[in-house]
C-alpha atoms as a PDB file:
ATOM      1  CA  UNK A   1     278.244  25.084 258.798  1.00  0.00           C
ATOM      2  CA  UNK A   2     274.728  26.465 258.607  1.00  0.00           C
ATOM      3  CA  UNK A   3     273.266  22.963 258.911  1.00  0.00           C
ATOM      4  CA  UNK A   4     275.635  20.577 260.677  1.00  0.00           C
ATOM      5  CA  UNK A   5     273.166  17.726 260.354  1.00  0.00           C
ATOM      6  CA  UNK A   6     272.856  17.934 256.582  1.00  0.00           C
ATOM      7  CA  UNK A   7     275.047  14.930 255.645  1.00  0.00           C
ATOM      8  CA  UNK A   8     273.327  12.847 258.337  1.00  0.00           C
ATOM      9  CA  UNK A   9     269.945  14.010 257.029  1.00  0.00           C
ATOM     10  CA  UNK A  10     270.803  12.575 253.610  1.00  0.00           C
ATOM     11  CA  UNK A  11     271.763   9.282 255.266  1.00  0.00           C
ATOM     12  CA  UNK A  12     268.509   9.235 257.228  1.00  0.00           C
ATOM     13  CA  UNK A  13     266.499   9.855 254.069  1.00  0.00           C
ATOM     14  CA  UNK A  14     268.347   7.050 252.304  1.00  0.00           C
ATOM     15  CA  UNK A  15     267.575   4.696 255.196  1.00  0.00           C
ATOM     16  CA  UNK A  16     263.892   5.537 254.831  1.00  0.00           C
ATOM     17  CA  UNK A  17     264.110   4.797 251.075  1.00  0.00           C
ATOM     18  CA  UNK A  18     263.283   8.434 250.288  1.00  0.00           C
ATOM     19  CA  UNK A  19     266.853   9.360 249.375  1.00  0.00           C
ATOM     20  CA  UNK A  20     269.554   8.039 247.055  1.00  0.00           C
ATOM     21  CA  UNK A  21     270.154   4.313 247.551  1.00  0.00           C
ATOM     22  CA  UNK A  22     273.892   4.951 247.194  1.00  0.00           C
ATOM     23  CA  UNK A  23     273.744   6.698 250.588  1.00  0.00           C
ATOM     24  CA  UNK A  24     271.834   3.910 252.328  1.00  0.00           C
ATOM     25  CA  UNK A  25     273.677   1.580 254.711  1.00  0.00           C
ATOM     26  CA  UNK A  26     273.539  -1.153 252.076  1.00  0.00           C
ATOM     27  CA  UNK A  27     274.741   1.181 249.343  1.00  0.00           C
ATOM     28  CA  UNK A  28     277.664   2.483 251.420  1.00  0.00           C
ATOM     29  CA  UNK A  29     278.720  -1.059 252.326  1.00  0.00           C
ATOM     30  CA  UNK A  30     278.561  -2.161 248.703  1.00  0.00           C
ATOM     31  CA  UNK A  31     280.840   0.682 247.618  1.00  0.00           C
ATOM     32  CA  UNK A  32     283.216   0.959 250.577  1.00  0.00           C
ATOM     33  CA  UNK A  33     282.924  -2.278 252.591  1.00  0.00           C
ATOM     34  CA  UNK A  34     282.176  -2.749 256.284  1.00  0.00           C
ATOM     35  CA  UNK A  35     283.331   0.056 258.630  1.00  0.00           C
ATOM     36  CA  UNK A  36     286.280  -1.999 259.916  1.00  0.00           C
ATOM     37  CA  UNK A  37     287.443  -2.711 256.341  1.00  0.00           C
ATOM     38  CA  UNK A  38     287.338   0.833 254.985  1.00  0.00           C
ATOM     39  CA  UNK A  39     290.435   2.313 253.381  1.00  0.00           C
ATOM     40  CA  UNK A  40     291.038   5.991 252.618  1.00  0.00           C
ATOM     41  CA  UNK A  41     291.795   6.867 248.978  1.00  0.00           C
ATOM     42  CA  UNK A  42     292.118  10.019 246.922  1.00  0.00           C
ATOM     43  CA  UNK A  43     288.828  10.875 245.236  1.00  0.00           C
ATOM     44  CA  UNK A  44     286.643   9.767 248.124  1.00  0.00           C
ATOM     45  CA  UNK A  45     284.216  12.204 249.703  1.00  0.00           C
ATOM     46  CA  UNK A  46     284.109  11.794 253.488  1.00  0.00           C
ATOM     47  CA  UNK A  47     282.102  13.284 256.280  1.00  0.00           C
ATOM     48  CA  UNK A  48     284.667  14.813 258.646  1.00  0.00           C
ATOM     49  CA  UNK A  49     283.239  15.196 262.137  1.00  0.00           C
ATOM     50  CA  UNK A  50     284.336  16.090 265.653  1.00  0.00           C
ATOM     51  CA  UNK A  51     282.001  17.168 268.448  1.00  0.00           C
ATOM     52  CA  UNK A  52     279.487  19.565 266.890  1.00  0.00           C
ATOM     53  CA  UNK A  53     281.480  20.260 263.719  1.00  0.00           C
ATOM     54  CA  UNK A  54     280.681  18.336 260.535  1.00  0.00           C
ATOM     55  CA  UNK A  55     282.066  19.054 257.053  1.00  0.00           C
ATOM     56  CA  UNK A  56     282.096  17.092 253.811  1.00  0.00           C
ATOM     57  CA  UNK A  57     285.582  16.879 252.292  1.00  0.00           C
ATOM     58  CA  UNK A  58     287.083  15.565 249.061  1.00  0.00           C
ATOM     59  CA  UNK A  59     290.307  13.648 249.783  1.00  0.00           C
ATOM     60  CA  UNK A  60     293.124  14.680 247.445  1.00  0.00           C
ATOM     61  CA  UNK A  61     296.055  12.785 249.013  1.00  0.00           C
ATOM     62  CA  UNK A  62     296.627  10.468 251.995  1.00  0.00           C
ATOM     63  CA  UNK A  63     299.528  10.475 254.457  1.00  0.00           C
ATOM     64  CA  UNK A  64     300.075   8.385 257.610  1.00  0.00           C
ATOM     65  CA  UNK A  65     297.980  10.523 259.943  1.00  0.00           C
ATOM     66  CA  UNK A  66     296.624  13.259 257.672  1.00  0.00           C
ATOM     67  CA  UNK A  67     294.744  13.802 254.447  1.00  0.00           C
ATOM     68  CA  UNK A  68     294.983  16.705 252.053  1.00  0.00           C
ATOM     69  CA  UNK A  69     291.353  17.617 251.533  1.00  0.00           C
ATOM     70  CA  UNK A  70     289.087  20.243 249.994  1.00  0.00           C
ATOM     71  CA  UNK A  71     285.758  21.056 251.683  1.00  0.00           C
ATOM     72  CA  UNK A  72     282.532  20.264 249.859  1.00  0.00           C
ATOM     73  CA  UNK A  73     279.131  21.885 250.346  1.00  0.00           C
ATOM     74  CA  UNK A  74     275.746  20.811 249.056  1.00  0.00           C
ATOM     75  CA  UNK A  75     273.433  23.223 250.833  1.00  0.00           C
ATOM     76  CA  UNK A  76     273.004  26.146 250.805  1.00  0.00           C
ATOM     77  CA  UNK A  77     274.206  26.727 247.216  1.00  0.00           C
ATOM     78  CA  UNK A  78     277.423  28.771 247.298  1.00  0.00           C
ATOM     79  CA  UNK A  79     280.692  29.042 245.381  1.00  0.00           C
ATOM     80  CA  UNK A  80     283.754  31.175 244.662  1.00  0.00           C
ATOM     81  CA  UNK A  81     286.177  31.489 241.743  1.00  0.00           C
ATOM     82  CA  UNK A  82     288.471  28.786 243.158  1.00  0.00           C
ATOM     83  CA  UNK A  83     285.683  26.215 243.198  1.00  0.00           C
ATOM     84  CA  UNK A  84     283.753  24.031 240.775  1.00  0.00           C
ATOM     85  CA  UNK A  85     280.109  23.039 240.970  1.00  0.00           C
ATOM     86  CA  UNK A  86     279.268  19.413 240.180  1.00  0.00           C
ATOM     87  CA  UNK A  87     276.026  18.500 238.427  1.00  0.00           C
ATOM     88  CA  UNK A  88     273.674  16.383 240.546  1.00  0.00           C
ATOM     89  CA  UNK A  89     273.623  13.608 237.916  1.00  0.00           C
ATOM     90  CA  UNK A  90     277.342  12.921 238.490  1.00  0.00           C
ATOM     91  CA  UNK A  91     277.238  12.370 242.272  1.00  0.00           C
ATOM     92  CA  UNK A  92     275.380  10.366 244.927  1.00  0.00           C
ATOM     93  CA  UNK A  93     273.678  13.301 246.651  1.00  0.00           C
ATOM     94  CA  UNK A  94     271.175  14.039 243.848  1.00  0.00           C
ATOM     95  CA  UNK A  95     271.856  17.765 244.338  1.00  0.00           C
ATOM     96  CA  UNK A  96     274.622  20.048 243.081  1.00  0.00           C
ATOM     97  CA  UNK A  97     277.827  20.109 245.129  1.00  0.00           C
ATOM     98  CA  UNK A  98     280.619  22.684 245.360  1.00  0.00           C
ATOM     99  CA  UNK A  99     284.282  21.743 245.804  1.00  0.00           C
ATOM    100  CA  UNK A 100     286.134  24.641 247.490  1.00  0.00           C
ATOM    101  CA  UNK A 101     289.664  23.933 246.212  1.00  0.00           C
ATOM    102  CA  UNK A 102     290.906  27.309 247.472  1.00  0.00           C
ATOM    103  CA  UNK A 103     290.296  26.111 251.050  1.00  0.00           C
ATOM    104  CA  UNK A 104     292.297  22.893 250.659  1.00  0.00           C
ATOM    105  CA  UNK A 105     294.139  21.974 253.863  1.00  0.00           C
ATOM    106  CA  UNK A 106     295.614  19.097 255.863  1.00  0.00           C
ATOM    107  CA  UNK A 107     293.167  17.354 258.186  1.00  0.00           C
ATOM    108  CA  UNK A 108     293.955  14.556 260.655  1.00  0.00           C
ATOM    109  CA  UNK A 109     292.494  11.233 259.572  1.00  0.00           C
ATOM    110  CA  UNK A 110     291.037  10.829 263.078  1.00  0.00           C
ATOM    111  CA  UNK A 111     288.242  13.281 262.166  1.00  0.00           C
ATOM    112  CA  UNK A 112     287.094  11.272 259.129  1.00  0.00           C
ATOM    113  CA  UNK A 113     283.801   9.650 260.031  1.00  0.00           C
ATOM    114  CA  UNK A 114     282.505   7.773 257.001  1.00  0.00           C
ATOM    115  CA  UNK A 115     282.907   7.785 253.202  1.00  0.00           C
ATOM    116  CA  UNK A 116     279.920   9.139 251.304  1.00  0.00           C
ATOM    117  CA  UNK A 117     280.887   9.115 247.625  1.00  0.00           C
ATOM    118  CA  UNK A 118     283.804   8.713 245.222  1.00  0.00           C
ATOM    119  CA  UNK A 119     284.632  11.181 242.446  1.00  0.00           C
ATOM    120  CA  UNK A 120     286.857  11.182 239.376  1.00  0.00           C
ATOM    121  CA  UNK A 121     290.635  11.421 239.114  1.00  0.00           C
ATOM    122  CA  UNK A 122     290.130  14.457 236.862  1.00  0.00           C
ATOM    123  CA  UNK A 123     288.372  16.273 239.700  1.00  0.00           C
ATOM    124  CA  UNK A 124     291.130  15.360 242.165  1.00  0.00           C
ATOM    125  CA  UNK A 125     293.737  16.616 239.696  1.00  0.00           C
ATOM    126  CA  UNK A 126     291.824  19.865 239.117  1.00  0.00           C
ATOM    127  CA  UNK A 127     291.387  20.507 242.856  1.00  0.00           C
ATOM    128  CA  UNK A 128     295.062  19.764 243.553  1.00  0.00           C
ATOM    129  CA  UNK A 129     296.248  22.104 240.785  1.00  0.00           C
ATOM    130  CA  UNK A 130     293.802  24.825 241.807  1.00  0.00           C
ATOM    131  CA  UNK A 131     294.946  24.625 245.438  1.00  0.00           C
ATOM    132  CA  UNK A 132     298.487  25.131 244.138  1.00  0.00           C
ATOM    133  CA  UNK A 133     297.293  28.048 241.986  1.00  0.00           C
ATOM    134  CA  UNK A 134     298.168  26.128 238.824  1.00  0.00           C
ATOM    135  CA  UNK A 135     295.877  26.286 235.772  1.00  0.00           C
ATOM    136  CA  UNK A 136     293.818  23.174 235.107  1.00  0.00           C
ATOM    137  CA  UNK A 137     290.963  22.264 232.789  1.00  0.00           C
ATOM    138  CA  UNK A 138     287.519  22.138 234.378  1.00  0.00           C
ATOM    139  CA  UNK A 139     286.503  18.453 234.724  1.00  0.00           C
ATOM    140  CA  UNK A 140     283.558  16.963 232.862  1.00  0.00           C
ATOM    141  CA  UNK A 141     280.248  17.335 234.648  1.00  0.00           C
ATOM    142  CA  UNK A 142     281.313  20.545 236.407  1.00  0.00           C
ATOM    143  CA  UNK A 143     281.282  24.278 235.862  1.00  0.00           C
ATOM    144  CA  UNK A 144     283.675  26.902 237.168  1.00  0.00           C
ATOM    145  CA  UNK A 145     282.459  28.720 240.260  1.00  0.00           C
ATOM    146  CA  UNK A 146     281.641  32.436 240.214  1.00  0.00           C
ATOM    147  CA  UNK A 147     283.667  34.933 242.214  1.00  0.00           C
ATOM    148  CA  UNK A 148     282.264  36.302 245.477  1.00  0.00           C
ATOM    149  CA  UNK A 149     281.306  39.931 244.874  1.00  0.00           C
ATOM    150  CA  UNK A 150     281.009  41.234 248.408  1.00  0.00           C
ATOM    151  CA  UNK A 151     281.940  40.382 251.984  1.00  0.00           C
ATOM    152  CA  UNK A 152     278.221  40.506 252.693  1.00  0.00           C
ATOM    153  CA  UNK A 153     277.511  37.870 250.055  1.00  0.00           C
ATOM    154  CA  UNK A 154     276.040  34.718 251.709  1.00  0.00           C
ATOM    155  CA  UNK A 155     278.785  32.748 249.953  1.00  0.00           C
ATOM    156  CA  UNK A 156     281.410  34.816 251.787  1.00  0.00           C
ATOM    157  CA  UNK A 157     279.773  34.033 255.119  1.00  0.00           C
ATOM    158  CA  UNK A 158     279.650  30.335 254.294  1.00  0.00           C
ATOM    159  CA  UNK A 159     283.297  30.438 253.223  1.00  0.00           C
ATOM    160  CA  UNK A 160     284.264  32.009 256.559  1.00  0.00           C
ATOM    161  CA  UNK A 161     282.312  29.308 258.420  1.00  0.00           C
ATOM    162  CA  UNK A 162     284.148  26.628 256.453  1.00  0.00           C
ATOM    163  CA  UNK A 163     287.517  28.124 257.403  1.00  0.00           C
ATOM    164  CA  UNK A 164     286.524  28.128 261.085  1.00  0.00           C
ATOM    165  CA  UNK A 165     285.191  24.560 260.951  1.00  0.00           C
ATOM    166  CA  UNK A 166     288.305  23.237 259.221  1.00  0.00           C
ATOM    167  CA  UNK A 167     290.453  24.886 261.895  1.00  0.00           C
ATOM    168  CA  UNK A 168     288.400  23.235 264.652  1.00  0.00           C
ATOM    169  CA  UNK A 169     288.680  19.848 262.953  1.00  0.00           C
ATOM    170  CA  UNK A 170     292.445  20.212 262.674  1.00  0.00           C
ATOM    171  CA  UNK A 171     292.615  20.640 266.460  1.00  0.00           C
ATOM    172  CA  UNK A 172     290.783  17.393 267.318  1.00  0.00           C
ATOM    173  CA  UNK A 173     292.629  15.601 270.162  1.00  0.00           C
ATOM    174  CA  UNK A 174     295.315  13.169 269.059  1.00  0.00           C
ATOM    175  CA  UNK A 175     297.010  10.250 270.755  1.00  0.00           C
ATOM    176  CA  UNK A 176     300.431  10.914 272.341  1.00  0.00           C
ATOM    177  CA  UNK A 177     303.120   9.635 269.940  1.00  0.00           C
ATOM    178  CA  UNK A 178     306.538   8.353 270.962  1.00  0.00           C
ATOM    179  CA  UNK A 179     309.524   9.964 269.231  1.00  0.00           C
ATOM    180  CA  UNK A 180     313.184   8.866 269.064  1.00  0.00           C
ATOM    181  CA  UNK A 181     314.335  11.900 271.061  1.00  0.00           C
ATOM    182  CA  UNK A 182     311.732  11.481 273.817  1.00  0.00           C
ATOM    183  CA  UNK A 183     312.978  10.860 277.358  1.00  0.00           C
ATOM    184  CA  UNK A 184     310.049   9.244 279.206  1.00  0.00           C
ATOM    185  CA  UNK A 185     309.686  10.074 282.878  1.00  0.00           C
ATOM    186  CA  UNK A 186     306.734   8.813 284.845  1.00  0.00           C
ATOM    187  CA  UNK A 187     304.766  10.917 287.311  1.00  0.00           C
ATOM    188  CA  UNK A 188     306.125   9.040 290.353  1.00  0.00           C
ATOM    189  CA  UNK A 189     309.729   9.948 289.592  1.00  0.00           C
ATOM    190  CA  UNK A 190     308.667  13.488 288.698  1.00  0.00           C
ATOM    191  CA  UNK A 191     307.027  13.983 292.115  1.00  0.00           C
ATOM    192  CA  UNK A 192     309.788  12.219 294.037  1.00  0.00           C
ATOM    193  CA  UNK A 193     309.676  12.887 297.790  1.00  0.00           C
ATOM    194  CA  UNK A 194     306.801  15.338 297.298  1.00  0.00           C
ATOM    195  CA  UNK A 195     304.434  12.457 296.567  1.00  0.00           C
ATOM    196  CA  UNK A 196     301.576  12.228 299.074  1.00  0.00           C
ATOM    197  CA  UNK A 197     299.944   8.982 297.952  1.00  0.00           C
ATOM    198  CA  UNK A 198     297.048   9.127 300.401  1.00  0.00           C
ATOM    199  CA  UNK A 199     296.109  12.664 299.381  1.00  0.00           C
ATOM    200  CA  UNK A 200     296.353  11.781 295.694  1.00  0.00           C
ATOM    201  CA  UNK A 201     294.131   8.706 296.149  1.00  0.00           C
ATOM    202  CA  UNK A 202     291.572  10.851 297.939  1.00  0.00           C
ATOM    203  CA  UNK A 203     291.657  13.604 295.317  1.00  0.00           C
ATOM    204  CA  UNK A 204     291.259  11.166 292.427  1.00  0.00           C
ATOM    205  CA  UNK A 205     288.709   9.001 294.222  1.00  0.00           C
ATOM    206  CA  UNK A 206     290.701   5.877 293.330  1.00  0.00           C
ATOM    207  CA  UNK A 207     292.309   3.025 295.240  1.00  0.00           C
ATOM    208  CA  UNK A 208     296.057   2.789 295.744  1.00  0.00           C
ATOM    209  CA  UNK A 209     296.637   0.117 293.018  1.00  0.00           C
ATOM    210  CA  UNK A 210     294.886   2.272 290.396  1.00  0.00           C
ATOM    211  CA  UNK A 211     296.776   5.404 291.426  1.00  0.00           C
ATOM    212  CA  UNK A 212     300.080   3.527 291.353  1.00  0.00           C
ATOM    213  CA  UNK A 213     299.373   2.493 287.765  1.00  0.00           C
ATOM    214  CA  UNK A 214     298.805   6.144 286.909  1.00  0.00           C
ATOM    215  CA  UNK A 215     301.984   7.191 288.698  1.00  0.00           C
ATOM    216  CA  UNK A 216     304.066   4.586 286.880  1.00  0.00           C
ATOM    217  CA  UNK A 217     302.639   5.444 283.485  1.00  0.00           C
ATOM    218  CA  UNK A 218     300.913   2.096 282.967  1.00  0.00           C
ATOM    219  CA  UNK A 219     297.495   3.758 282.696  1.00  0.00           C
ATOM    220  CA  UNK A 220     297.037   7.112 280.898  1.00  0.00           C
ATOM    221  CA  UNK A 221     295.761  10.104 282.830  1.00  0.00           C
ATOM    222  CA  UNK A 222     292.460  11.399 281.537  1.00  0.00           C
ATOM    223  CA  UNK A 223     292.256  15.175 280.921  1.00  0.00           C
ATOM    224  CA  UNK A 224     290.125  15.703 284.040  1.00  0.00           C
ATOM    225  CA  UNK A 225     292.556  13.602 286.089  1.00  0.00           C
ATOM    226  CA  UNK A 226     295.452  15.779 284.911  1.00  0.00           C
ATOM    227  CA  UNK A 227     293.652  18.813 286.312  1.00  0.00           C
ATOM    228  CA  UNK A 228     292.951  17.043 289.607  1.00  0.00           C
ATOM    229  CA  UNK A 229     296.595  15.980 289.970  1.00  0.00           C
ATOM    230  CA  UNK A 230     297.702  19.522 289.160  1.00  0.00           C
ATOM    231  CA  UNK A 231     295.565  20.938 291.952  1.00  0.00           C
ATOM    232  CA  UNK A 232     296.676  18.234 294.387  1.00  0.00           C
ATOM    233  CA  UNK A 233     300.412  18.540 293.700  1.00  0.00           C
ATOM    234  CA  UNK A 234     300.912  22.156 292.674  1.00  0.00           C
ATOM    235  CA  UNK A 235     302.414  21.097 289.328  1.00  0.00           C
ATOM    236  CA  UNK A 236     301.195  22.600 286.079  1.00  0.00           C
ATOM    237  CA  UNK A 237     298.911  20.659 283.763  1.00  0.00           C
ATOM    238  CA  UNK A 238     301.583  20.874 281.071  1.00  0.00           C
ATOM    239  CA  UNK A 239     304.204  19.307 283.361  1.00  0.00           C
ATOM    240  CA  UNK A 240     301.862  16.470 284.246  1.00  0.00           C
ATOM    241  CA  UNK A 241     300.828  15.888 280.620  1.00  0.00           C
ATOM    242  CA  UNK A 242     304.510  15.473 279.719  1.00  0.00           C
ATOM    243  CA  UNK A 243     304.726  12.424 282.007  1.00  0.00           C
ATOM    244  CA  UNK A 244     302.077  10.471 280.093  1.00  0.00           C
ATOM    245  CA  UNK A 245     303.758   7.517 278.390  1.00  0.00           C
ATOM    246  CA  UNK A 246     303.680   7.909 274.627  1.00  0.00           C
ATOM    247  CA  UNK A 247     302.529   5.286 272.155  1.00  0.00           C
ATOM    248  CA  UNK A 248     304.348   3.808 269.131  1.00  0.00           C
ATOM    249  CA  UNK A 249     303.612   5.598 265.860  1.00  0.00           C
ATOM    250  CA  UNK A 250     302.376   2.397 264.225  1.00  0.00           C
ATOM    251  CA  UNK A 251     299.775   1.913 266.958  1.00  0.00           C
ATOM    252  CA  UNK A 252     298.665   5.540 266.785  1.00  0.00           C
ATOM    253  CA  UNK A 253     298.203   5.389 263.000  1.00  0.00           C
ATOM    254  CA  UNK A 254     295.938   2.352 263.345  1.00  0.00           C
ATOM    255  CA  UNK A 255     293.927   3.601 266.339  1.00  0.00           C
ATOM    256  CA  UNK A 256     293.252   6.972 264.700  1.00  0.00           C
ATOM    257  CA  UNK A 257     292.063   5.379 261.448  1.00  0.00           C
ATOM    258  CA  UNK A 258     288.332   5.941 260.815  1.00  0.00           C
ATOM    259  CA  UNK A 259     287.703   2.188 260.558  1.00  0.00           C
ATOM    260  CA  UNK A 260     287.626   2.150 264.375  1.00  0.00           C
ATOM    261  CA  UNK A 261     285.518   5.261 264.979  1.00  0.00           C
ATOM    262  CA  UNK A 262     282.362   3.238 265.501  1.00  0.00           C
ATOM    263  CA  UNK A 263     284.209   1.297 268.222  1.00  0.00           C
ATOM    264  CA  UNK A 264     285.271   4.489 270.016  1.00  0.00           C
ATOM    265  CA  UNK A 265     281.762   5.930 269.729  1.00  0.00           C
ATOM    266  CA  UNK A 266     280.232   2.764 271.212  1.00  0.00           C
ATOM    267  CA  UNK A 267     282.751   2.672 274.073  1.00  0.00           C
ATOM    268  CA  UNK A 268     282.265   6.371 274.764  1.00  0.00           C
ATOM    269  CA  UNK A 269     278.541   5.774 275.188  1.00  0.00           C
ATOM    270  CA  UNK A 270     279.079   2.608 277.210  1.00  0.00           C
ATOM    271  CA  UNK A 271     281.564   4.124 279.665  1.00  0.00           C
ATOM    272  CA  UNK A 272     280.105   7.664 279.667  1.00  0.00           C
ATOM    273  CA  UNK A 273     283.309   9.310 278.432  1.00  0.00           C
ATOM    274  CA  UNK A 274     284.314  11.322 275.383  1.00  0.00           C
ATOM    275  CA  UNK A 275     285.271   9.629 272.130  1.00  0.00           C
ATOM    276  CA  UNK A 276     288.840  10.895 272.567  1.00  0.00           C
ATOM    277  CA  UNK A 277     289.056   9.376 276.055  1.00  0.00           C
ATOM    278  CA  UNK A 278     287.592   6.058 274.885  1.00  0.00           C
ATOM    279  CA  UNK A 279     290.205   5.865 272.117  1.00  0.00           C
ATOM    280  CA  UNK A 280     293.029   6.894 274.464  1.00  0.00           C
ATOM    281  CA  UNK A 281     292.237   4.354 277.188  1.00  0.00           C
ATOM    282  CA  UNK A 282     291.676   1.465 274.788  1.00  0.00           C
ATOM    283  CA  UNK A 283     294.874   2.272 272.868  1.00  0.00           C
ATOM    284  CA  UNK A 284     296.897   1.956 276.084  1.00  0.00           C
ATOM    285  CA  UNK A 285     295.134  -1.326 276.878  1.00  0.00           C
ATOM    286  CA  UNK A 286     296.083  -2.654 273.436  1.00  0.00           C
ATOM    287  CA  UNK A 287     299.659  -1.455 273.950  1.00  0.00           C
ATOM    288  CA  UNK A 288     299.800  -3.241 277.306  1.00  0.00           C
ATOM    289  CA  UNK A 289     298.436  -6.421 275.703  1.00  0.00           C
ATOM    290  CA  UNK A 290     301.151  -6.341 273.033  1.00  0.00           C
ATOM    291  CA  UNK A 291     303.832  -5.713 275.665  1.00  0.00           C
ATOM    292  CA  UNK A 292     302.880  -8.947 277.439  1.00  0.00           C
ATOM    293  CA  UNK A 293     303.377 -10.976 274.258  1.00  0.00           C
ATOM    294  CA  UNK A 294     306.656 -12.056 272.723  1.00  0.00           C
ATOM    295  CA  UNK A 295     307.878 -11.760 269.161  1.00  0.00           C
ATOM    296  CA  UNK A 296     309.917  -9.306 267.167  1.00  0.00           C
ATOM    297  CA  UNK A 297     308.864  -6.792 264.565  1.00  0.00           C
ATOM    298  CA  UNK A 298     305.947  -4.390 264.446  1.00  0.00           C
ATOM    299  CA  UNK A 299     302.791  -5.910 265.962  1.00  0.00           C
ATOM    300  CA  UNK A 300     299.615  -6.159 263.918  1.00  0.00           C
ATOM    301  CA  UNK A 301     297.849  -3.447 265.900  1.00  0.00           C
ATOM    302  CA  UNK A 302     294.462  -3.976 264.229  1.00  0.00           C
ATOM    303  CA  UNK A 303     294.596  -7.637 265.221  1.00  0.00           C
ATOM    304  CA  UNK A 304     295.737  -6.702 268.742  1.00  0.00           C
ATOM    305  CA  UNK A 305     292.709  -4.443 269.103  1.00  0.00           C
ATOM    306  CA  UNK A 306     290.367  -7.177 267.873  1.00  0.00           C
ATOM    307  CA  UNK A 307     291.973  -9.576 270.349  1.00  0.00           C
ATOM    308  CA  UNK A 308     291.574  -7.111 273.217  1.00  0.00           C
ATOM    309  CA  UNK A 309     287.910  -6.467 272.388  1.00  0.00           C
ATOM    310  CA  UNK A 310     287.240 -10.193 272.103  1.00  0.00           C
ATOM    311  CA  UNK A 311     288.899 -10.931 275.451  1.00  0.00           C
ATOM    312  CA  UNK A 312     287.009  -8.074 277.083  1.00  0.00           C
ATOM    313  CA  UNK A 313     283.713  -9.392 275.715  1.00  0.00           C
ATOM    314  CA  UNK A 314     284.568 -12.941 276.852  1.00  0.00           C
ATOM    315  CA  UNK A 315     285.457 -11.725 280.353  1.00  0.00           C
ATOM    316  CA  UNK A 316     282.232  -9.719 280.552  1.00  0.00           C
ATOM    317  CA  UNK A 317     280.207 -12.727 279.431  1.00  0.00           C
ATOM    318  CA  UNK A 318     281.761 -14.926 282.080  1.00  0.00           C
ATOM    319  CA  UNK A 319     281.287 -12.410 284.867  1.00  0.00           C
END
């Protein structure tokens, strides 16, 4: 987008009491609850973010790991004939907003950062029908967007940027998910007699116990470690990635939910890693914690994560 910081700028203004109170920390908590309590529902407007890409989106439908969403812009003013423009009096931003229903797509829930507003069922219905190229009445408080007249029109350029940003968001790293037809094989068995443990320890800069955990699939390989192992063993990065133990779908759904994004961001800063790596490592720690406990049925993965974080904090406090 032309101004990736725009949604954050509105939040900053609200914090300074110069913007809409609905966008202040207090206002967002009143409407959506604490970050760890947030649920995703159709009609919510979220900030979708990954790395340097940030886009506002209107959620039209929710699946396990994805949302059907239409991008929303508030600045600069732009529209096309598959969009509607909302009056400022109907929304929290205090400026007009455009819903680009023609660019509706599936986005992974892991890129949703925080809810910003909630709009009417009529608008969700209109956007869904428009995305399906079905006629639908323009909702109250909106007007139909005007067609783009030229490829040089600023609206056309903004539309192209939106398409690119949505594509980048859709490619945000995901957690490895176990499937019924998967045949797990750890790196140790894959290397077999070609394993040179001393050389691998030296290349990775790790002790033998840590490397053995990597080889047996008990600790996930970070992306940079995959490249190091590839150079040290002559295997391809793809072959090595295939040995990473996959996680249960139920765990992945919970760990990729935006209610935990603040946790991943904090851990990324604390351990000087990427958000994706912080989420990956902690997810495997939670999986290992659950594996040590008895009991049938699907674990409460949210509770397992809270337990892991509490135990980690207790251990750190006693160190």
